[in-house]
Amino acid sequence: MRADAEQNRERILEVARTALKASSAASLQSIAKAAGVGQGTLYRHFPSREALLLAVYRHDVGELIDAAPALLAEHPPAEALRQWFERLAAYGRIKHGVGEAVEAATRADLSSEYYEPTCAAITLLLDAGKRAGTLRPDVDAEEVLQLVGFLWRADFGADREARTAHLLTLVMDGLKPR
């Protein structure tokens, strides 16, 4: 892909992420306009709404999974895990509407596609915390994923951020060694 075409694609994805965060019903026309490209350019990269939604979903999940090693390089393990959960919470706010729209449109089971890589990212963070003695040795990624399921399922309304932060504190307290 030519450099300018790649830049257009990335700009469309970035604008789409922002627009879809505001409303999962954002139109392709509004996304193209905000990205500064014509509808033809948008459709060359993403031939349907579903293709664009799927690309946004995959990009965001990939960024979330890839963040684990970088967070561990910058922070102590328990703090890296907390920050990863905070990213998961931010992603959960977007995914709730977008993920449902993508799955309805494509009938793809996207959750299963990313389940193993997500568990691997959590395992990386948990193992570092276990080695450092800051996280319980008796938990695994699947259990933790069940614990933090509220991040993308619950609708807390206007006080979502405060409630999410409080619940994450409860989860992190529960993960501390006894």
C-alpha atoms as a PDB file:
ATOM      1  CA  MET A   1       0.000   0.000   0.000  1.00  0.00           C
ATOM      2  CA  ARG A   2       1.294   3.463  -0.886  1.00  0.00           C
ATOM      3  CA  ALA A   3       2.283   5.721   2.009  1.00  0.00           C
ATOM      4  CA  ASP A   4      -0.548   8.203   1.375  1.00  0.00           C
ATOM      5  CA  ALA A   5      -3.081   5.374   1.160  1.00  0.00           C
ATOM      6  CA  GLU A   6      -1.791   3.930   4.442  1.00  0.00           C
ATOM      7  CA  GLN A   7      -2.038   7.388   6.055  1.00  0.00           C
ATOM      8  CA  ASN A   8      -5.630   7.713   4.829  1.00  0.00           C
ATOM      9  CA  ARG A   9      -6.490   4.282   6.225  1.00  0.00           C
ATOM     10  CA  GLU A  10      -4.966   5.089   9.615  1.00  0.00           C
ATOM     11  CA  ARG A  11      -6.689   8.482   9.729  1.00  0.00           C
ATOM     12  CA  ILE A  12     -10.046   6.861   8.900  1.00  0.00           C
ATOM     13  CA  LEU A  13      -9.524   4.281  11.660  1.00  0.00           C
ATOM     14  CA  GLU A  14      -8.594   6.949  14.213  1.00  0.00           C
ATOM     15  CA  VAL A  15     -11.591   9.118  13.332  1.00  0.00           C
ATOM     16  CA  ALA A  16     -13.853   6.059  13.346  1.00  0.00           C
ATOM     17  CA  ARG A  17     -12.627   5.065  16.830  1.00  0.00           C
ATOM     18  CA  THR A  18     -13.403   8.544  18.143  1.00  0.00           C
ATOM     19  CA  ALA A  19     -16.780   8.722  16.397  1.00  0.00           C
ATOM     20  CA  LEU A  20     -17.802   5.242  17.501  1.00  0.00           C
ATOM     21  CA  LYS A  21     -16.790   6.009  21.067  1.00  0.00           C
ATOM     22  CA  ALA A  22     -19.277   8.873  21.004  1.00  0.00           C
ATOM     23  CA  SER A  23     -21.972   6.826  19.258  1.00  0.00           C
ATOM     24  CA  SER A  24     -21.976   3.297  17.858  1.00  0.00           C
ATOM     25  CA  ALA A  25     -24.412   4.635  15.245  1.00  0.00           C
ATOM     26  CA  ALA A  26     -21.903   7.074  13.688  1.00  0.00           C
ATOM     27  CA  SER A  27     -22.396   7.204   9.923  1.00  0.00           C
ATOM     28  CA  LEU A  28     -19.736   6.370   7.376  1.00  0.00           C
ATOM     29  CA  GLN A  29     -20.373   9.717   5.708  1.00  0.00           C
ATOM     30  CA  SER A  30     -19.631  11.599   8.941  1.00  0.00           C
ATOM     31  CA  ILE A  31     -16.502   9.510   9.510  1.00  0.00           C
ATOM     32  CA  ALA A  32     -15.214  10.162   5.976  1.00  0.00           C
ATOM     33  CA  LYS A  33     -15.874  13.890   6.329  1.00  0.00           C
ATOM     34  CA  ALA A  34     -14.150  14.105   9.719  1.00  0.00           C
ATOM     35  CA  ALA A  35     -11.166  12.163   8.334  1.00  0.00           C
ATOM     36  CA  GLY A  36     -10.887  14.600   5.438  1.00  0.00           C
ATOM     37  CA  VAL A  37     -11.391  11.933   2.773  1.00  0.00           C
ATOM     38  CA  GLY A  38     -14.107  11.270   0.241  1.00  0.00           C
ATOM     39  CA  GLN A  39     -16.532   8.426   0.606  1.00  0.00           C
ATOM     40  CA  GLY A  40     -14.811   6.632  -2.276  1.00  0.00           C
ATOM     41  CA  THR A  41     -11.544   6.622  -0.325  1.00  0.00           C
ATOM     42  CA  LEU A  42     -13.302   5.295   2.755  1.00  0.00           C
ATOM     43  CA  TYR A  43     -15.001   2.530   0.741  1.00  0.00           C
ATOM     44  CA  ARG A  44     -11.708   1.562  -0.959  1.00  0.00           C
ATOM     45  CA  HIS A  45     -10.271   0.792   2.454  1.00  0.00           C
ATOM     46  CA  PHE A  46     -13.461  -0.420   4.109  1.00  0.00           C
ATOM     47  CA  PRO A  47     -16.040  -1.669   1.598  1.00  0.00           C
ATOM     48  CA  SER A  48     -18.800  -1.810   4.215  1.00  0.00           C
ATOM     49  CA  ARG A  49     -19.707  -0.467   7.625  1.00  0.00           C
ATOM     50  CA  GLU A  50     -19.048  -3.922   9.017  1.00  0.00           C
ATOM     51  CA  ALA A  51     -15.521  -3.957   7.571  1.00  0.00           C
ATOM     52  CA  LEU A  52     -14.746  -0.628   9.253  1.00  0.00           C
ATOM     53  CA  LEU A  53     -16.251  -1.724  12.582  1.00  0.00           C
ATOM     54  CA  LEU A  54     -14.302  -4.964  12.445  1.00  0.00           C
ATOM     55  CA  ALA A  55     -11.035  -3.121  11.700  1.00  0.00           C
ATOM     56  CA  VAL A  56     -11.622  -0.736  14.634  1.00  0.00           C
ATOM     57  CA  TYR A  57     -12.449  -3.641  16.939  1.00  0.00           C
ATOM     58  CA  ARG A  58      -9.380  -5.640  15.925  1.00  0.00           C
ATOM     59  CA  HIS A  59      -7.068  -2.640  16.191  1.00  0.00           C
ATOM     60  CA  ASP A  60      -8.303  -1.748  19.667  1.00  0.00           C
ATOM     61  CA  VAL A  61      -8.084  -5.298  20.994  1.00  0.00           C
ATOM     62  CA  GLY A  62      -4.600  -5.645  19.513  1.00  0.00           C
ATOM     63  CA  GLU A  63      -3.448  -2.444  21.221  1.00  0.00           C
ATOM     64  CA  LEU A  64      -4.889  -3.639  24.516  1.00  0.00           C
ATOM     65  CA  ILE A  65      -3.137  -6.997  24.315  1.00  0.00           C
ATOM     66  CA  ASP A  66       0.154  -5.433  23.190  1.00  0.00           C
ATOM     67  CA  ALA A  67       0.118  -2.972  26.096  1.00  0.00           C
ATOM     68  CA  ALA A  68       0.912  -5.615  28.750  1.00  0.00           C
ATOM     69  CA  PRO A  69       4.676  -5.953  28.138  1.00  0.00           C
ATOM     70  CA  ALA A  70       5.138  -2.184  27.802  1.00  0.00           C
ATOM     71  CA  LEU A  71       3.295  -1.556  31.066  1.00  0.00           C
ATOM     72  CA  LEU A  72       5.449  -4.146  32.823  1.00  0.00           C
ATOM     73  CA  ALA A  73       8.579  -2.453  31.517  1.00  0.00           C
ATOM     74  CA  GLU A  74       7.454   0.886  32.986  1.00  0.00           C
ATOM     75  CA  HIS A  75       5.724  -0.079  36.254  1.00  0.00           C
ATOM     76  CA  PRO A  76       5.829  -2.582  39.117  1.00  0.00           C
ATOM     77  CA  PRO A  77       3.686  -5.636  38.280  1.00  0.00           C
ATOM     78  CA  ALA A  78       0.617  -4.798  40.396  1.00  0.00           C
ATOM     79  CA  GLU A  79       0.533  -1.239  39.028  1.00  0.00           C
ATOM     80  CA  ALA A  80       1.002  -2.539  35.477  1.00  0.00           C
ATOM     81  CA  LEU A  81      -1.947  -4.896  35.986  1.00  0.00           C
ATOM     82  CA  ARG A  82      -4.099  -2.066  37.371  1.00  0.00           C
ATOM     83  CA  GLN A  83      -3.226   0.173  34.435  1.00  0.00           C
ATOM     84  CA  TRP A  84      -3.975  -2.664  32.023  1.00  0.00           C
ATOM     85  CA  PHE A  85      -7.376  -3.071  33.703  1.00  0.00           C
ATOM     86  CA  GLU A  86      -7.953   0.676  33.325  1.00  0.00           C
ATOM     87  CA  ARG A  87      -7.237   0.358  29.608  1.00  0.00           C
ATOM     88  CA  LEU A  88      -9.598  -2.608  29.480  1.00  0.00           C
ATOM     89  CA  ALA A  89     -12.257  -0.470  31.179  1.00  0.00           C
ATOM     90  CA  ALA A  90     -11.780   2.337  28.655  1.00  0.00           C
ATOM     91  CA  TYR A  91     -11.956  -0.199  25.854  1.00  0.00           C
ATOM     92  CA  GLY A  92     -15.044  -1.753  27.458  1.00  0.00           C
ATOM     93  CA  ARG A  93     -16.877   1.557  27.226  1.00  0.00           C
ATOM     94  CA  ILE A  94     -16.293   1.561  23.479  1.00  0.00           C
ATOM     95  CA  LYS A  95     -16.632  -2.175  22.869  1.00  0.00           C
ATOM     96  CA  HIS A  96     -20.057  -2.448  24.422  1.00  0.00           C
ATOM     97  CA  GLY A  97     -21.779  -0.777  21.482  1.00  0.00           C
ATOM     98  CA  VAL A  98     -19.222  -1.403  18.761  1.00  0.00           C
ATOM     99  CA  GLY A  99     -18.652  -5.060  19.595  1.00  0.00           C
ATOM    100  CA  GLU A 100     -22.357  -5.782  19.547  1.00  0.00           C
ATOM    101  CA  ALA A 101     -22.718  -3.964  16.224  1.00  0.00           C
ATOM    102  CA  VAL A 102     -19.783  -5.862  14.695  1.00  0.00           C
ATOM    103  CA  GLU A 103     -20.983  -9.232  15.932  1.00  0.00           C
ATOM    104  CA  ALA A 104     -24.533  -8.566  14.767  1.00  0.00           C
ATOM    105  CA  ALA A 105     -23.313  -7.392  11.384  1.00  0.00           C
ATOM    106  CA  THR A 106     -20.730 -10.100  10.734  1.00  0.00           C
ATOM    107  CA  ARG A 107     -22.046 -12.923  12.917  1.00  0.00           C
ATOM    108  CA  ALA A 108     -18.413 -13.383  13.918  1.00  0.00           C
ATOM    109  CA  ASP A 109     -17.535 -14.634  17.345  1.00  0.00           C
ATOM    110  CA  LEU A 110     -14.847 -12.036  17.919  1.00  0.00           C
ATOM    111  CA  SER A 111     -14.580 -12.744  21.621  1.00  0.00           C
ATOM    112  CA  SER A 112     -13.242 -16.243  21.017  1.00  0.00           C
ATOM    113  CA  GLU A 113     -10.753 -14.897  18.457  1.00  0.00           C
ATOM    114  CA  TYR A 114      -9.096 -12.758  21.133  1.00  0.00           C
ATOM    115  CA  TYR A 115      -9.691 -14.869  24.230  1.00  0.00           C
ATOM    116  CA  GLU A 116      -6.334 -16.686  24.218  1.00  0.00           C
ATOM    117  CA  PRO A 117      -4.228 -13.569  23.471  1.00  0.00           C
ATOM    118  CA  THR A 118      -6.082 -11.668  26.199  1.00  0.00           C
ATOM    119  CA  CYS A 119      -5.480 -14.474  28.692  1.00  0.00           C
ATOM    120  CA  ALA A 120      -1.807 -14.521  27.666  1.00  0.00           C
ATOM    121  CA  ALA A 121      -1.510 -10.770  28.372  1.00  0.00           C
ATOM    122  CA  ILE A 122      -3.150 -11.186  31.776  1.00  0.00           C
ATOM    123  CA  THR A 123      -0.945 -14.203  32.544  1.00  0.00           C
ATOM    124  CA  LEU A 124       2.164 -12.158  31.733  1.00  0.00           C
ATOM    125  CA  LEU A 125       1.056  -9.476  34.198  1.00  0.00           C
ATOM    126  CA  LEU A 126      -0.037 -11.953  36.879  1.00  0.00           C
ATOM    127  CA  ASP A 127       3.159 -13.999  36.661  1.00  0.00           C
ATOM    128  CA  ALA A 128       5.294 -10.883  37.108  1.00  0.00           C
ATOM    129  CA  GLY A 129       3.247  -9.918  40.167  1.00  0.00           C
ATOM    130  CA  LYS A 130       3.501 -13.421  41.601  1.00  0.00           C
ATOM    131  CA  ARG A 131       7.281 -13.430  41.170  1.00  0.00           C
ATOM    132  CA  ALA A 132       7.463 -10.008  42.848  1.00  0.00           C
ATOM    133  CA  GLY A 133       5.240 -11.239  45.696  1.00  0.00           C
ATOM    134  CA  THR A 134       2.662  -8.489  45.096  1.00  0.00           C
ATOM    135  CA  LEU A 135      -0.094 -10.687  43.641  1.00  0.00           C
ATOM    136  CA  ARG A 136      -1.705 -13.865  44.932  1.00  0.00           C
ATOM    137  CA  PRO A 137      -0.095 -17.055  43.671  1.00  0.00           C
ATOM    138  CA  ASP A 138      -3.420 -18.917  43.437  1.00  0.00           C
ATOM    139  CA  VAL A 139      -5.169 -16.996  40.644  1.00  0.00           C
ATOM    140  CA  ASP A 140      -5.053 -17.460  36.908  1.00  0.00           C
ATOM    141  CA  ALA A 141      -5.960 -15.331  33.918  1.00  0.00           C
ATOM    142  CA  GLU A 142      -9.355 -16.949  33.332  1.00  0.00           C
ATOM    143  CA  GLU A 143     -10.408 -16.268  36.936  1.00  0.00           C
ATOM    144  CA  VAL A 144      -9.231 -12.675  36.731  1.00  0.00           C
ATOM    145  CA  LEU A 145     -11.017 -12.175  33.416  1.00  0.00           C
ATOM    146  CA  GLN A 146     -14.222 -13.382  35.082  1.00  0.00           C
ATOM    147  CA  LEU A 147     -13.655 -10.952  37.961  1.00  0.00           C
ATOM    148  CA  VAL A 148     -13.245  -7.941  35.692  1.00  0.00           C
ATOM    149  CA  GLY A 149     -16.131  -8.820  33.383  1.00  0.00           C
ATOM    150  CA  PHE A 150     -18.012  -5.823  34.769  1.00  0.00           C
ATOM    151  CA  LEU A 151     -15.649  -3.584  32.795  1.00  0.00           C
ATOM    152  CA  TRP A 152     -17.521  -4.230  29.566  1.00  0.00           C
ATOM    153  CA  ARG A 153     -20.880  -5.499  30.801  1.00  0.00           C
ATOM    154  CA  ALA A 154     -22.073  -3.023  33.417  1.00  0.00           C
ATOM    155  CA  ASP A 155     -23.704   0.261  32.560  1.00  0.00           C
ATOM    156  CA  PHE A 156     -23.105   2.575  35.503  1.00  0.00           C
ATOM    157  CA  GLY A 157     -24.459   5.677  33.798  1.00  0.00           C
ATOM    158  CA  ALA A 158     -22.998   9.084  34.616  1.00  0.00           C
ATOM    159  CA  ASP A 159     -20.778   7.870  37.467  1.00  0.00           C
ATOM    160  CA  ARG A 160     -19.258   5.046  35.405  1.00  0.00           C
ATOM    161  CA  GLU A 161     -15.648   6.180  35.855  1.00  0.00           C
ATOM    162  CA  ALA A 162     -15.914   6.539  39.630  1.00  0.00           C
ATOM    163  CA  ARG A 163     -17.718   3.210  40.020  1.00  0.00           C
ATOM    164  CA  THR A 164     -15.256   1.465  37.723  1.00  0.00           C
ATOM    165  CA  ALA A 165     -12.296   2.861  39.673  1.00  0.00           C
ATOM    166  CA  HIS A 166     -13.852   1.702  42.954  1.00  0.00           C
ATOM    167  CA  LEU A 167     -14.534  -1.793  41.611  1.00  0.00           C
ATOM    168  CA  LEU A 168     -11.004  -2.034  40.199  1.00  0.00           C
ATOM    169  CA  THR A 169      -9.661  -1.142  43.647  1.00  0.00           C
ATOM    170  CA  LEU A 170     -11.732  -3.971  45.130  1.00  0.00           C
ATOM    171  CA  VAL A 171     -10.393  -6.395  42.506  1.00  0.00           C
ATOM    172  CA  MET A 172      -6.789  -5.302  43.070  1.00  0.00           C
ATOM    173  CA  ASP A 173      -7.236  -5.600  46.852  1.00  0.00           C
ATOM    174  CA  GLY A 174      -8.547  -9.129  46.296  1.00  0.00           C
ATOM    175  CA  LEU A 175      -5.480  -9.995  44.222  1.00  0.00           C
ATOM    176  CA  LYS A 176      -3.024  -8.972  46.930  1.00  0.00           C
ATOM    177  CA  PRO A 177      -1.322 -11.877  48.692  1.00  0.00           C
ATOM    178  CA  ARG A 178      -2.801 -12.896  52.014  1.00  0.00           C
END
